[in-house]
């Protein structure tokens, strides 16, 4: 009996020791990975926080004295008069992976429509060589990151933010055909269309030169650069895409000047026609995992995907470190 009692006590002591050791390991792991945990949480929780004080940043007639239908503005209005133009008259189109100009055959008409309706505006077509030199000159600290992106669309997305911050102006996807000039929007220091189901789209953005919010996006490129969930769509959306940029927007201390054109009127999901664009809806890079990422928006799956994402990110980070060794 005494021996049996001794063995039970010894077994119970070992179990308590294992439990305490496990708890300590979990606490230490959480502490060491606290920045990754926080970053993953901001991504997972976007839908919970995006609409806080939405009336401050969603463009409207009542709050901004702005006609979101554009019916009261001339289609040729290239200035915000009588308001000050804070966005410079510059159009940026990005054609990475196409130094030979093949884009002209497919998107030449849509690109030209935007140039024609903005006479006198400066315009740029950013090809690989031109973009690479720009990043090296203006953002040398990000050049290695930019070159190392696994997916070409990550270079395109990050280039959007860098161009807007360095020069200001208008970023336009090549599949956007302009139906009217963007002058009425030039009074706002940042503008983008609302996305479905959450956040904003980055296929069209306007910003003032050196815009603080766009600068915050650029500075966070290194923070969010992970192989999220081990999936192409998730990695792009969470590291450089719409979801990533929307998270930075959601956590800005003052969102009043970061204007969002309301959806669904201005949303650029698929082939649609909005008051200012015909969206031809290329989005061919979207992969099989897109529906999975939309599912993350539901509150039921929020915590599950949060921990799965963290676990995968930690696993991939460990594999990367082992390869270096």
C-alpha atoms as a PDB file:
ATOM      1  CA  UNK A   1       0.000   0.000   0.000  1.00  0.00           C
ATOM      2  CA  UNK A   2       2.739   2.434   0.972  1.00  0.00           C
ATOM      3  CA  UNK A   3       4.690   1.612  -2.179  1.00  0.00           C
ATOM      4  CA  UNK A   4       1.569   2.100  -4.331  1.00  0.00           C
ATOM      5  CA  UNK A   5       0.870   5.431  -2.614  1.00  0.00           C
ATOM      6  CA  UNK A   6       4.484   6.495  -3.196  1.00  0.00           C
ATOM      7  CA  UNK A   7       4.290   5.617  -6.895  1.00  0.00           C
ATOM      8  CA  UNK A   8       1.035   7.563  -7.298  1.00  0.00           C
ATOM      9  CA  UNK A   9       2.594  10.619  -5.626  1.00  0.00           C
ATOM     10  CA  UNK A  10       5.676  10.307  -7.797  1.00  0.00           C
ATOM     11  CA  UNK A  11       3.529   9.993 -10.934  1.00  0.00           C
ATOM     12  CA  UNK A  12       1.399  12.970  -9.885  1.00  0.00           C
ATOM     13  CA  UNK A  13       4.535  15.023  -9.232  1.00  0.00           C
ATOM     14  CA  UNK A  14       5.886  14.262 -12.705  1.00  0.00           C
ATOM     15  CA  UNK A  15       2.551  15.210 -14.256  1.00  0.00           C
ATOM     16  CA  UNK A  16       2.484  18.533 -12.422  1.00  0.00           C
ATOM     17  CA  UNK A  17       6.066  19.171 -13.505  1.00  0.00           C
ATOM     18  CA  UNK A  18       5.167  18.463 -17.140  1.00  0.00           C
ATOM     19  CA  UNK A  19       2.126  20.746 -16.924  1.00  0.00           C
ATOM     20  CA  UNK A  20       4.152  23.571 -15.400  1.00  0.00           C
ATOM     21  CA  UNK A  21       6.899  23.125 -17.977  1.00  0.00           C
ATOM     22  CA  UNK A  22       4.305  23.188 -20.776  1.00  0.00           C
ATOM     23  CA  UNK A  23       2.744  26.335 -19.336  1.00  0.00           C
ATOM     24  CA  UNK A  24       6.131  28.050 -19.099  1.00  0.00           C
ATOM     25  CA  UNK A  25       6.980  27.067 -22.676  1.00  0.00           C
ATOM     26  CA  UNK A  26       3.640  28.417 -23.920  1.00  0.00           C
ATOM     27  CA  UNK A  27       4.128  31.703 -22.059  1.00  0.00           C
ATOM     28  CA  UNK A  28       7.682  32.102 -23.349  1.00  0.00           C
ATOM     29  CA  UNK A  29       6.598  31.210 -26.903  1.00  0.00           C
ATOM     30  CA  UNK A  30       3.730  33.704 -26.741  1.00  0.00           C
ATOM     31  CA  UNK A  31       6.083  36.397 -25.449  1.00  0.00           C
ATOM     32  CA  UNK A  32       8.700  35.770 -28.118  1.00  0.00           C
ATOM     33  CA  UNK A  33       6.034  35.672 -30.829  1.00  0.00           C
ATOM     34  CA  UNK A  34       3.931  38.533 -29.466  1.00  0.00           C
ATOM     35  CA  UNK A  35       4.560  40.753 -32.477  1.00  0.00           C
ATOM     36  CA  UNK A  36       3.541  37.990 -34.879  1.00  0.00           C
ATOM     37  CA  UNK A  37       0.471  37.241 -32.749  1.00  0.00           C
ATOM     38  CA  UNK A  38      -0.569  40.890 -32.817  1.00  0.00           C
ATOM     39  CA  UNK A  39       0.001  41.167 -36.571  1.00  0.00           C
ATOM     40  CA  UNK A  40      -2.066  38.033 -37.209  1.00  0.00           C
ATOM     41  CA  UNK A  41      -4.832  39.344 -34.959  1.00  0.00           C
ATOM     42  CA  UNK A  42      -5.063  42.671 -36.821  1.00  0.00           C
ATOM     43  CA  UNK A  43      -5.589  40.739 -40.060  1.00  0.00           C
ATOM     44  CA  UNK A  44      -8.143  38.340 -38.608  1.00  0.00           C
ATOM     45  CA  UNK A  45     -10.125  41.072 -36.851  1.00  0.00           C
ATOM     46  CA  UNK A  46     -10.441  43.559 -39.732  1.00  0.00           C
ATOM     47  CA  UNK A  47     -14.140  42.930 -40.233  1.00  0.00           C
ATOM     48  CA  UNK A  48     -14.770  43.648 -36.540  1.00  0.00           C
ATOM     49  CA  UNK A  49     -13.132  47.080 -36.627  1.00  0.00           C
ATOM     50  CA  UNK A  50     -13.453  48.354 -40.203  1.00  0.00           C
ATOM     51  CA  UNK A  51     -16.848  50.016 -39.781  1.00  0.00           C
ATOM     52  CA  UNK A  52     -16.077  51.820 -36.531  1.00  0.00           C
ATOM     53  CA  UNK A  53     -16.943  55.503 -37.056  1.00  0.00           C
ATOM     54  CA  UNK A  54     -17.505  54.743 -40.740  1.00  0.00           C
ATOM     55  CA  UNK A  55     -19.408  57.998 -41.238  1.00  0.00           C
ATOM     56  CA  UNK A  56     -16.099  59.819 -40.678  1.00  0.00           C
ATOM     57  CA  UNK A  57     -14.415  58.323 -43.753  1.00  0.00           C
ATOM     58  CA  UNK A  58     -17.134  57.004 -46.085  1.00  0.00           C
ATOM     59  CA  UNK A  59     -17.755  59.792 -48.583  1.00  0.00           C
ATOM     60  CA  UNK A  60     -21.256  61.262 -48.482  1.00  0.00           C
ATOM     61  CA  UNK A  61     -23.276  64.329 -49.355  1.00  0.00           C
ATOM     62  CA  UNK A  62     -24.233  64.968 -45.740  1.00  0.00           C
ATOM     63  CA  UNK A  63     -20.752  64.815 -44.214  1.00  0.00           C
ATOM     64  CA  UNK A  64     -18.502  65.920 -47.074  1.00  0.00           C
ATOM     65  CA  UNK A  65     -20.806  67.937 -49.343  1.00  0.00           C
ATOM     66  CA  UNK A  66     -19.832  65.512 -52.094  1.00  0.00           C
ATOM     67  CA  UNK A  67     -22.119  63.932 -54.682  1.00  0.00           C
ATOM     68  CA  UNK A  68     -21.025  60.288 -54.756  1.00  0.00           C
ATOM     69  CA  UNK A  69     -23.132  59.687 -57.883  1.00  0.00           C
ATOM     70  CA  UNK A  70     -21.060  62.345 -59.719  1.00  0.00           C
ATOM     71  CA  UNK A  71     -24.252  63.481 -61.456  1.00  0.00           C
ATOM     72  CA  UNK A  72     -23.597  67.090 -60.464  1.00  0.00           C
ATOM     73  CA  UNK A  73     -20.064  67.183 -61.885  1.00  0.00           C
ATOM     74  CA  UNK A  74     -18.939  67.587 -65.472  1.00  0.00           C
ATOM     75  CA  UNK A  75     -17.371  64.462 -66.930  1.00  0.00           C
ATOM     76  CA  UNK A  76     -14.439  66.667 -68.010  1.00  0.00           C
ATOM     77  CA  UNK A  77     -13.839  68.271 -64.599  1.00  0.00           C
ATOM     78  CA  UNK A  78     -10.113  67.812 -63.918  1.00  0.00           C
ATOM     79  CA  UNK A  79      -9.953  70.060 -60.847  1.00  0.00           C
ATOM     80  CA  UNK A  80     -11.757  70.191 -57.488  1.00  0.00           C
ATOM     81  CA  UNK A  81     -12.461  73.922 -57.843  1.00  0.00           C
ATOM     82  CA  UNK A  82     -13.576  75.823 -55.829  1.00  0.00           C
ATOM     83  CA  UNK A  83     -11.732  73.512 -53.426  1.00  0.00           C
ATOM     84  CA  UNK A  84      -7.947  73.203 -53.292  1.00  0.00           C
ATOM     85  CA  UNK A  85      -6.388  70.419 -55.354  1.00  0.00           C
ATOM     86  CA  UNK A  86      -4.317  68.389 -52.894  1.00  0.00           C
ATOM     87  CA  UNK A  87      -3.775  65.411 -55.221  1.00  0.00           C
ATOM     88  CA  UNK A  88      -1.274  66.202 -58.012  1.00  0.00           C
ATOM     89  CA  UNK A  89      -2.367  65.596 -61.637  1.00  0.00           C
ATOM     90  CA  UNK A  90      -0.381  62.391 -62.226  1.00  0.00           C
ATOM     91  CA  UNK A  91      -1.651  59.061 -63.585  1.00  0.00           C
ATOM     92  CA  UNK A  92       0.237  55.856 -62.767  1.00  0.00           C
ATOM     93  CA  UNK A  93      -0.307  52.560 -64.606  1.00  0.00           C
ATOM     94  CA  UNK A  94       1.773  49.501 -63.704  1.00  0.00           C
ATOM     95  CA  UNK A  95       2.913  46.993 -66.357  1.00  0.00           C
ATOM     96  CA  UNK A  96       5.391  44.768 -64.536  1.00  0.00           C
ATOM     97  CA  UNK A  97       6.355  41.645 -66.453  1.00  0.00           C
ATOM     98  CA  UNK A  98       5.694  43.334 -69.787  1.00  0.00           C
ATOM     99  CA  UNK A  99       8.682  45.376 -70.968  1.00  0.00           C
ATOM    100  CA  UNK A 100       7.723  44.660 -74.595  1.00  0.00           C
ATOM    101  CA  UNK A 101       4.419  46.532 -74.325  1.00  0.00           C
ATOM    102  CA  UNK A 102       2.121  43.559 -74.878  1.00  0.00           C
ATOM    103  CA  UNK A 103      -0.394  45.209 -72.543  1.00  0.00           C
ATOM    104  CA  UNK A 104      -1.321  47.616 -75.339  1.00  0.00           C
ATOM    105  CA  UNK A 105      -3.123  44.900 -77.254  1.00  0.00           C
ATOM    106  CA  UNK A 106      -5.378  44.035 -74.330  1.00  0.00           C
ATOM    107  CA  UNK A 107      -5.548  47.170 -72.191  1.00  0.00           C
ATOM    108  CA  UNK A 108      -4.488  49.920 -74.574  1.00  0.00           C
ATOM    109  CA  UNK A 109      -8.035  51.229 -75.002  1.00  0.00           C
ATOM    110  CA  UNK A 110      -8.817  51.374 -71.279  1.00  0.00           C
ATOM    111  CA  UNK A 111      -5.500  53.047 -70.438  1.00  0.00           C
ATOM    112  CA  UNK A 112      -5.925  55.569 -73.259  1.00  0.00           C
ATOM    113  CA  UNK A 113      -9.441  56.429 -72.070  1.00  0.00           C
ATOM    114  CA  UNK A 114      -7.972  57.686 -68.778  1.00  0.00           C
ATOM    115  CA  UNK A 115      -5.224  59.640 -70.522  1.00  0.00           C
ATOM    116  CA  UNK A 116      -7.686  61.257 -72.944  1.00  0.00           C
ATOM    117  CA  UNK A 117     -10.103  62.429 -70.267  1.00  0.00           C
ATOM    118  CA  UNK A 118      -7.268  63.999 -68.238  1.00  0.00           C
ATOM    119  CA  UNK A 119      -5.547  66.248 -70.819  1.00  0.00           C
ATOM    120  CA  UNK A 120      -2.373  67.885 -69.610  1.00  0.00           C
ATOM    121  CA  UNK A 121      -1.858  65.427 -66.755  1.00  0.00           C
ATOM    122  CA  UNK A 122       1.501  63.749 -66.284  1.00  0.00           C
ATOM    123  CA  UNK A 123       1.325  60.005 -66.958  1.00  0.00           C
ATOM    124  CA  UNK A 124       3.607  57.040 -66.328  1.00  0.00           C
ATOM    125  CA  UNK A 125       3.656  53.412 -67.430  1.00  0.00           C
ATOM    126  CA  UNK A 126       5.796  51.568 -64.887  1.00  0.00           C
ATOM    127  CA  UNK A 127       7.645  48.636 -66.473  1.00  0.00           C
ATOM    128  CA  UNK A 128      10.118  46.326 -64.689  1.00  0.00           C
ATOM    129  CA  UNK A 129      13.276  48.303 -65.419  1.00  0.00           C
ATOM    130  CA  UNK A 130      11.712  51.657 -64.650  1.00  0.00           C
ATOM    131  CA  UNK A 131      10.060  50.391 -61.461  1.00  0.00           C
ATOM    132  CA  UNK A 132      13.197  48.635 -60.221  1.00  0.00           C
ATOM    133  CA  UNK A 133      15.235  51.806 -60.629  1.00  0.00           C
ATOM    134  CA  UNK A 134      12.540  53.832 -58.872  1.00  0.00           C
ATOM    135  CA  UNK A 135      12.516  51.511 -55.841  1.00  0.00           C
ATOM    136  CA  UNK A 136      16.334  51.506 -55.704  1.00  0.00           C
ATOM    137  CA  UNK A 137      16.447  55.313 -55.833  1.00  0.00           C
ATOM    138  CA  UNK A 138      13.513  56.228 -53.598  1.00  0.00           C
ATOM    139  CA  UNK A 139      13.247  53.247 -51.234  1.00  0.00           C
ATOM    140  CA  UNK A 140      16.679  51.576 -51.093  1.00  0.00           C
ATOM    141  CA  UNK A 141      15.845  50.087 -47.684  1.00  0.00           C
ATOM    142  CA  UNK A 142      12.975  48.150 -49.318  1.00  0.00           C
ATOM    143  CA  UNK A 143      14.724  47.077 -52.519  1.00  0.00           C
ATOM    144  CA  UNK A 144      15.785  43.670 -51.184  1.00  0.00           C
ATOM    145  CA  UNK A 145      12.252  43.012 -49.925  1.00  0.00           C
ATOM    146  CA  UNK A 146      10.733  44.124 -53.240  1.00  0.00           C
ATOM    147  CA  UNK A 147      13.043  41.852 -55.236  1.00  0.00           C
ATOM    148  CA  UNK A 148      12.380  38.895 -52.930  1.00  0.00           C
ATOM    149  CA  UNK A 149       8.579  38.820 -53.178  1.00  0.00           C
ATOM    150  CA  UNK A 150       7.472  35.349 -54.218  1.00  0.00           C
ATOM    151  CA  UNK A 151       4.462  36.480 -56.252  1.00  0.00           C
ATOM    152  CA  UNK A 152       4.717  39.181 -58.967  1.00  0.00           C
ATOM    153  CA  UNK A 153       1.479  40.792 -57.788  1.00  0.00           C
ATOM    154  CA  UNK A 154       3.172  41.537 -54.451  1.00  0.00           C
ATOM    155  CA  UNK A 155       5.699  43.700 -56.298  1.00  0.00           C
ATOM    156  CA  UNK A 156       2.853  45.405 -58.132  1.00  0.00           C
ATOM    157  CA  UNK A 157       0.903  46.106 -54.941  1.00  0.00           C
ATOM    158  CA  UNK A 158       3.876  47.396 -52.968  1.00  0.00           C
ATOM    159  CA  UNK A 159       4.887  49.557 -55.933  1.00  0.00           C
ATOM    160  CA  UNK A 160       1.455  51.222 -55.848  1.00  0.00           C
ATOM    161  CA  UNK A 161       2.053  52.484 -52.315  1.00  0.00           C
ATOM    162  CA  UNK A 162       5.619  53.587 -52.973  1.00  0.00           C
ATOM    163  CA  UNK A 163       4.592  55.538 -56.080  1.00  0.00           C
ATOM    164  CA  UNK A 164       1.734  57.235 -54.268  1.00  0.00           C
ATOM    165  CA  UNK A 165       3.958  58.188 -51.359  1.00  0.00           C
ATOM    166  CA  UNK A 166       6.845  59.458 -53.497  1.00  0.00           C
ATOM    167  CA  UNK A 167       4.849  61.302 -56.163  1.00  0.00           C
ATOM    168  CA  UNK A 168       1.192  61.363 -55.204  1.00  0.00           C
ATOM    169  CA  UNK A 169      -1.446  61.269 -57.928  1.00  0.00           C
ATOM    170  CA  UNK A 170      -3.696  58.430 -59.121  1.00  0.00           C
ATOM    171  CA  UNK A 171      -2.982  54.695 -59.282  1.00  0.00           C
ATOM    172  CA  UNK A 172      -5.109  52.882 -61.860  1.00  0.00           C
ATOM    173  CA  UNK A 173      -5.296  49.221 -62.787  1.00  0.00           C
ATOM    174  CA  UNK A 174      -5.062  48.742 -66.529  1.00  0.00           C
ATOM    175  CA  UNK A 175      -8.490  47.114 -66.674  1.00  0.00           C
ATOM    176  CA  UNK A 176     -10.190  50.332 -65.502  1.00  0.00           C
ATOM    177  CA  UNK A 177     -11.775  52.314 -68.335  1.00  0.00           C
ATOM    178  CA  UNK A 178     -12.370  55.916 -67.291  1.00  0.00           C
ATOM    179  CA  UNK A 179     -15.890  57.239 -67.858  1.00  0.00           C
ATOM    180  CA  UNK A 180     -15.190  60.711 -66.425  1.00  0.00           C
ATOM    181  CA  UNK A 181     -12.365  62.843 -65.062  1.00  0.00           C
ATOM    182  CA  UNK A 182     -11.338  62.444 -61.434  1.00  0.00           C
ATOM    183  CA  UNK A 183     -11.013  66.168 -60.691  1.00  0.00           C
ATOM    184  CA  UNK A 184     -13.825  66.407 -58.093  1.00  0.00           C
ATOM    185  CA  UNK A 185     -11.947  63.934 -55.883  1.00  0.00           C
ATOM    186  CA  UNK A 186      -8.692  65.910 -55.860  1.00  0.00           C
ATOM    187  CA  UNK A 187      -9.798  67.898 -52.791  1.00  0.00           C
ATOM    188  CA  UNK A 188      -9.312  64.801 -50.608  1.00  0.00           C
ATOM    189  CA  UNK A 189      -5.820  63.705 -49.504  1.00  0.00           C
ATOM    190  CA  UNK A 190      -6.680  60.019 -49.943  1.00  0.00           C
ATOM    191  CA  UNK A 191      -9.468  58.252 -51.830  1.00  0.00           C
ATOM    192  CA  UNK A 192     -10.159  54.604 -52.686  1.00  0.00           C
ATOM    193  CA  UNK A 193     -13.331  52.597 -53.424  1.00  0.00           C
ATOM    194  CA  UNK A 194     -14.963  50.389 -50.804  1.00  0.00           C
ATOM    195  CA  UNK A 195     -14.389  46.655 -51.267  1.00  0.00           C
ATOM    196  CA  UNK A 196     -16.674  43.697 -50.602  1.00  0.00           C
ATOM    197  CA  UNK A 197     -17.047  42.408 -47.976  1.00  0.00           C
ATOM    198  CA  UNK A 198     -14.615  44.604 -45.994  1.00  0.00           C
ATOM    199  CA  UNK A 199     -11.993  47.284 -46.502  1.00  0.00           C
ATOM    200  CA  UNK A 200     -11.067  49.106 -49.697  1.00  0.00           C
ATOM    201  CA  UNK A 201      -9.763  48.210 -53.149  1.00  0.00           C
ATOM    202  CA  UNK A 202      -6.266  49.216 -54.238  1.00  0.00           C
ATOM    203  CA  UNK A 203      -6.842  48.988 -57.997  1.00  0.00           C
ATOM    204  CA  UNK A 204      -7.778  52.668 -57.854  1.00  0.00           C
ATOM    205  CA  UNK A 205      -6.284  55.028 -55.291  1.00  0.00           C
ATOM    206  CA  UNK A 206      -5.652  58.768 -55.152  1.00  0.00           C
ATOM    207  CA  UNK A 207      -3.340  60.439 -52.665  1.00  0.00           C
ATOM    208  CA  UNK A 208      -1.389  63.584 -51.960  1.00  0.00           C
ATOM    209  CA  UNK A 209       2.393  63.444 -52.231  1.00  0.00           C
ATOM    210  CA  UNK A 210       3.993  62.259 -48.979  1.00  0.00           C
ATOM    211  CA  UNK A 211       0.621  61.251 -47.557  1.00  0.00           C
ATOM    212  CA  UNK A 212       1.113  60.096 -43.938  1.00  0.00           C
ATOM    213  CA  UNK A 213      -1.310  57.185 -44.225  1.00  0.00           C
ATOM    214  CA  UNK A 214       0.325  55.889 -47.418  1.00  0.00           C
ATOM    215  CA  UNK A 215       3.653  56.249 -45.629  1.00  0.00           C
ATOM    216  CA  UNK A 216       2.331  54.025 -42.849  1.00  0.00           C
ATOM    217  CA  UNK A 217       1.380  51.407 -45.448  1.00  0.00           C
ATOM    218  CA  UNK A 218       4.888  51.495 -46.918  1.00  0.00           C
ATOM    219  CA  UNK A 219       6.515  51.222 -43.480  1.00  0.00           C
ATOM    220  CA  UNK A 220       4.405  48.169 -42.617  1.00  0.00           C
ATOM    221  CA  UNK A 221       5.356  46.184 -45.725  1.00  0.00           C
ATOM    222  CA  UNK A 222       8.188  44.518 -43.831  1.00  0.00           C
ATOM    223  CA  UNK A 223       5.988  43.797 -40.792  1.00  0.00           C
ATOM    224  CA  UNK A 224       3.324  41.904 -42.745  1.00  0.00           C
ATOM    225  CA  UNK A 225       5.691  40.106 -45.123  1.00  0.00           C
ATOM    226  CA  UNK A 226       4.823  36.466 -44.265  1.00  0.00           C
ATOM    227  CA  UNK A 227       3.713  33.336 -46.097  1.00  0.00           C
ATOM    228  CA  UNK A 228       0.235  33.656 -44.570  1.00  0.00           C
ATOM    229  CA  UNK A 229      -1.642  30.353 -44.205  1.00  0.00           C
ATOM    230  CA  UNK A 230       0.785  28.904 -46.752  1.00  0.00           C
ATOM    231  CA  UNK A 231      -1.621  29.949 -49.539  1.00  0.00           C
ATOM    232  CA  UNK A 232      -0.946  32.262 -52.519  1.00  0.00           C
ATOM    233  CA  UNK A 233      -4.098  34.376 -52.215  1.00  0.00           C
ATOM    234  CA  UNK A 234      -3.737  34.770 -48.453  1.00  0.00           C
ATOM    235  CA  UNK A 235      -0.067  35.681 -48.748  1.00  0.00           C
ATOM    236  CA  UNK A 236      -0.779  38.398 -51.311  1.00  0.00           C
ATOM    237  CA  UNK A 237      -3.856  39.823 -49.621  1.00  0.00           C
ATOM    238  CA  UNK A 238      -2.297  39.870 -46.151  1.00  0.00           C
ATOM    239  CA  UNK A 239       1.218  40.999 -47.068  1.00  0.00           C
ATOM    240  CA  UNK A 240       0.623  43.651 -49.750  1.00  0.00           C
ATOM    241  CA  UNK A 241      -2.991  43.500 -50.970  1.00  0.00           C
ATOM    242  CA  UNK A 242      -6.326  45.122 -50.168  1.00  0.00           C
ATOM    243  CA  UNK A 243      -6.713  43.380 -46.821  1.00  0.00           C
ATOM    244  CA  UNK A 244      -3.273  44.489 -45.657  1.00  0.00           C
ATOM    245  CA  UNK A 245      -3.815  48.129 -46.668  1.00  0.00           C
ATOM    246  CA  UNK A 246      -7.299  48.126 -45.115  1.00  0.00           C
ATOM    247  CA  UNK A 247      -5.850  46.926 -41.801  1.00  0.00           C
ATOM    248  CA  UNK A 248      -3.468  49.891 -41.755  1.00  0.00           C
ATOM    249  CA  UNK A 249      -6.446  52.165 -42.497  1.00  0.00           C
ATOM    250  CA  UNK A 250      -8.506  50.609 -39.689  1.00  0.00           C
ATOM    251  CA  UNK A 251      -5.787  51.210 -37.105  1.00  0.00           C
ATOM    252  CA  UNK A 252      -5.037  54.836 -38.032  1.00  0.00           C
ATOM    253  CA  UNK A 253      -5.739  57.165 -35.104  1.00  0.00           C
ATOM    254  CA  UNK A 254      -7.661  59.621 -37.314  1.00  0.00           C
ATOM    255  CA  UNK A 255      -9.460  58.213 -40.367  1.00  0.00           C
ATOM    256  CA  UNK A 256     -11.444  61.337 -41.167  1.00  0.00           C
ATOM    257  CA  UNK A 257      -9.268  62.338 -44.162  1.00  0.00           C
ATOM    258  CA  UNK A 258      -8.865  58.803 -45.511  1.00  0.00           C
ATOM    259  CA  UNK A 259     -11.917  58.852 -47.745  1.00  0.00           C
ATOM    260  CA  UNK A 260     -13.621  55.749 -49.102  1.00  0.00           C
ATOM    261  CA  UNK A 261     -16.093  55.852 -51.986  1.00  0.00           C
ATOM    262  CA  UNK A 262     -19.154  53.881 -50.805  1.00  0.00           C
ATOM    263  CA  UNK A 263     -19.999  50.425 -52.058  1.00  0.00           C
ATOM    264  CA  UNK A 264     -21.658  48.775 -53.807  1.00  0.00           C
ATOM    265  CA  UNK A 265     -22.035  51.902 -55.978  1.00  0.00           C
ATOM    266  CA  UNK A 266     -18.253  52.266 -56.384  1.00  0.00           C
ATOM    267  CA  UNK A 267     -17.033  48.744 -55.598  1.00  0.00           C
ATOM    268  CA  UNK A 268     -14.774  47.196 -58.237  1.00  0.00           C
ATOM    269  CA  UNK A 269     -15.670  43.542 -57.711  1.00  0.00           C
ATOM    270  CA  UNK A 270     -15.707  41.686 -61.017  1.00  0.00           C
ATOM    271  CA  UNK A 271     -16.989  43.181 -64.272  1.00  0.00           C
ATOM    272  CA  UNK A 272     -18.974  46.196 -63.135  1.00  0.00           C
ATOM    273  CA  UNK A 273     -19.765  49.732 -64.187  1.00  0.00           C
ATOM    274  CA  UNK A 274     -19.492  52.467 -61.553  1.00  0.00           C
ATOM    275  CA  UNK A 275     -20.112  56.209 -61.889  1.00  0.00           C
ATOM    276  CA  UNK A 276     -16.443  56.751 -62.810  1.00  0.00           C
ATOM    277  CA  UNK A 277     -15.175  53.451 -64.278  1.00  0.00           C
ATOM    278  CA  UNK A 278     -16.011  50.457 -66.367  1.00  0.00           C
ATOM    279  CA  UNK A 279     -14.137  47.672 -64.615  1.00  0.00           C
ATOM    280  CA  UNK A 280     -13.237  44.976 -67.114  1.00  0.00           C
ATOM    281  CA  UNK A 281     -12.458  42.615 -64.239  1.00  0.00           C
ATOM    282  CA  UNK A 282      -9.176  40.904 -65.094  1.00  0.00           C
ATOM    283  CA  UNK A 283      -8.111  39.796 -61.550  1.00  0.00           C
ATOM    284  CA  UNK A 284      -6.660  36.650 -63.119  1.00  0.00           C
ATOM    285  CA  UNK A 285      -4.151  36.099 -60.301  1.00  0.00           C
ATOM    286  CA  UNK A 286      -6.891  35.113 -57.842  1.00  0.00           C
ATOM    287  CA  UNK A 287      -6.254  31.502 -56.929  1.00  0.00           C
ATOM    288  CA  UNK A 288      -8.260  28.559 -55.670  1.00  0.00           C
ATOM    289  CA  UNK A 289      -7.976  29.709 -52.063  1.00  0.00           C
ATOM    290  CA  UNK A 290      -9.869  32.997 -52.519  1.00  0.00           C
ATOM    291  CA  UNK A 291     -13.126  31.617 -51.091  1.00  0.00           C
ATOM    292  CA  UNK A 292     -11.243  30.419 -48.051  1.00  0.00           C
ATOM    293  CA  UNK A 293     -10.046  33.958 -47.278  1.00  0.00           C
ATOM    294  CA  UNK A 294     -13.556  35.369 -47.606  1.00  0.00           C
ATOM    295  CA  UNK A 295     -14.641  32.763 -45.057  1.00  0.00           C
ATOM    296  CA  UNK A 296     -12.203  34.258 -42.567  1.00  0.00           C
ATOM    297  CA  UNK A 297     -14.519  37.249 -42.336  1.00  0.00           C
ATOM    298  CA  UNK A 298     -17.118  35.285 -40.372  1.00  0.00           C
ATOM    299  CA  UNK A 299     -16.852  35.699 -36.607  1.00  0.00           C
ATOM    300  CA  UNK A 300     -17.383  31.973 -36.064  1.00  0.00           C
ATOM    301  CA  UNK A 301     -14.151  31.126 -37.859  1.00  0.00           C
ATOM    302  CA  UNK A 302     -12.188  34.192 -36.715  1.00  0.00           C
ATOM    303  CA  UNK A 303     -10.339  32.629 -33.785  1.00  0.00           C
ATOM    304  CA  UNK A 304      -9.743  29.343 -35.603  1.00  0.00           C
ATOM    305  CA  UNK A 305      -8.095  30.981 -38.603  1.00  0.00           C
ATOM    306  CA  UNK A 306      -6.140  33.317 -36.328  1.00  0.00           C
ATOM    307  CA  UNK A 307      -4.374  30.444 -34.575  1.00  0.00           C
ATOM    308  CA  UNK A 308      -3.994  28.382 -37.752  1.00  0.00           C
ATOM    309  CA  UNK A 309      -2.356  31.372 -39.422  1.00  0.00           C
ATOM    310  CA  UNK A 310       0.022  31.941 -36.530  1.00  0.00           C
ATOM    311  CA  UNK A 311       0.957  28.256 -36.392  1.00  0.00           C
ATOM    312  CA  UNK A 312       1.678  28.096 -40.117  1.00  0.00           C
ATOM    313  CA  UNK A 313       3.623  31.357 -40.050  1.00  0.00           C
ATOM    314  CA  UNK A 314       5.771  30.070 -37.169  1.00  0.00           C
ATOM    315  CA  UNK A 315       6.284  26.744 -38.956  1.00  0.00           C
ATOM    316  CA  UNK A 316       7.361  28.403 -42.212  1.00  0.00           C
ATOM    317  CA  UNK A 317       9.599  30.803 -40.333  1.00  0.00           C
ATOM    318  CA  UNK A 318      11.281  27.832 -38.577  1.00  0.00           C
ATOM    319  CA  UNK A 319      11.824  26.068 -41.911  1.00  0.00           C
ATOM    320  CA  UNK A 320      13.370  29.238 -43.337  1.00  0.00           C
ATOM    321  CA  UNK A 321      15.773  29.506 -40.387  1.00  0.00           C
ATOM    322  CA  UNK A 322      16.735  25.830 -40.691  1.00  0.00           C
ATOM    323  CA  UNK A 323      17.522  26.291 -44.396  1.00  0.00           C
ATOM    324  CA  UNK A 324      19.839  29.189 -43.552  1.00  0.00           C
ATOM    325  CA  UNK A 325      21.681  27.011 -41.045  1.00  0.00           C
END
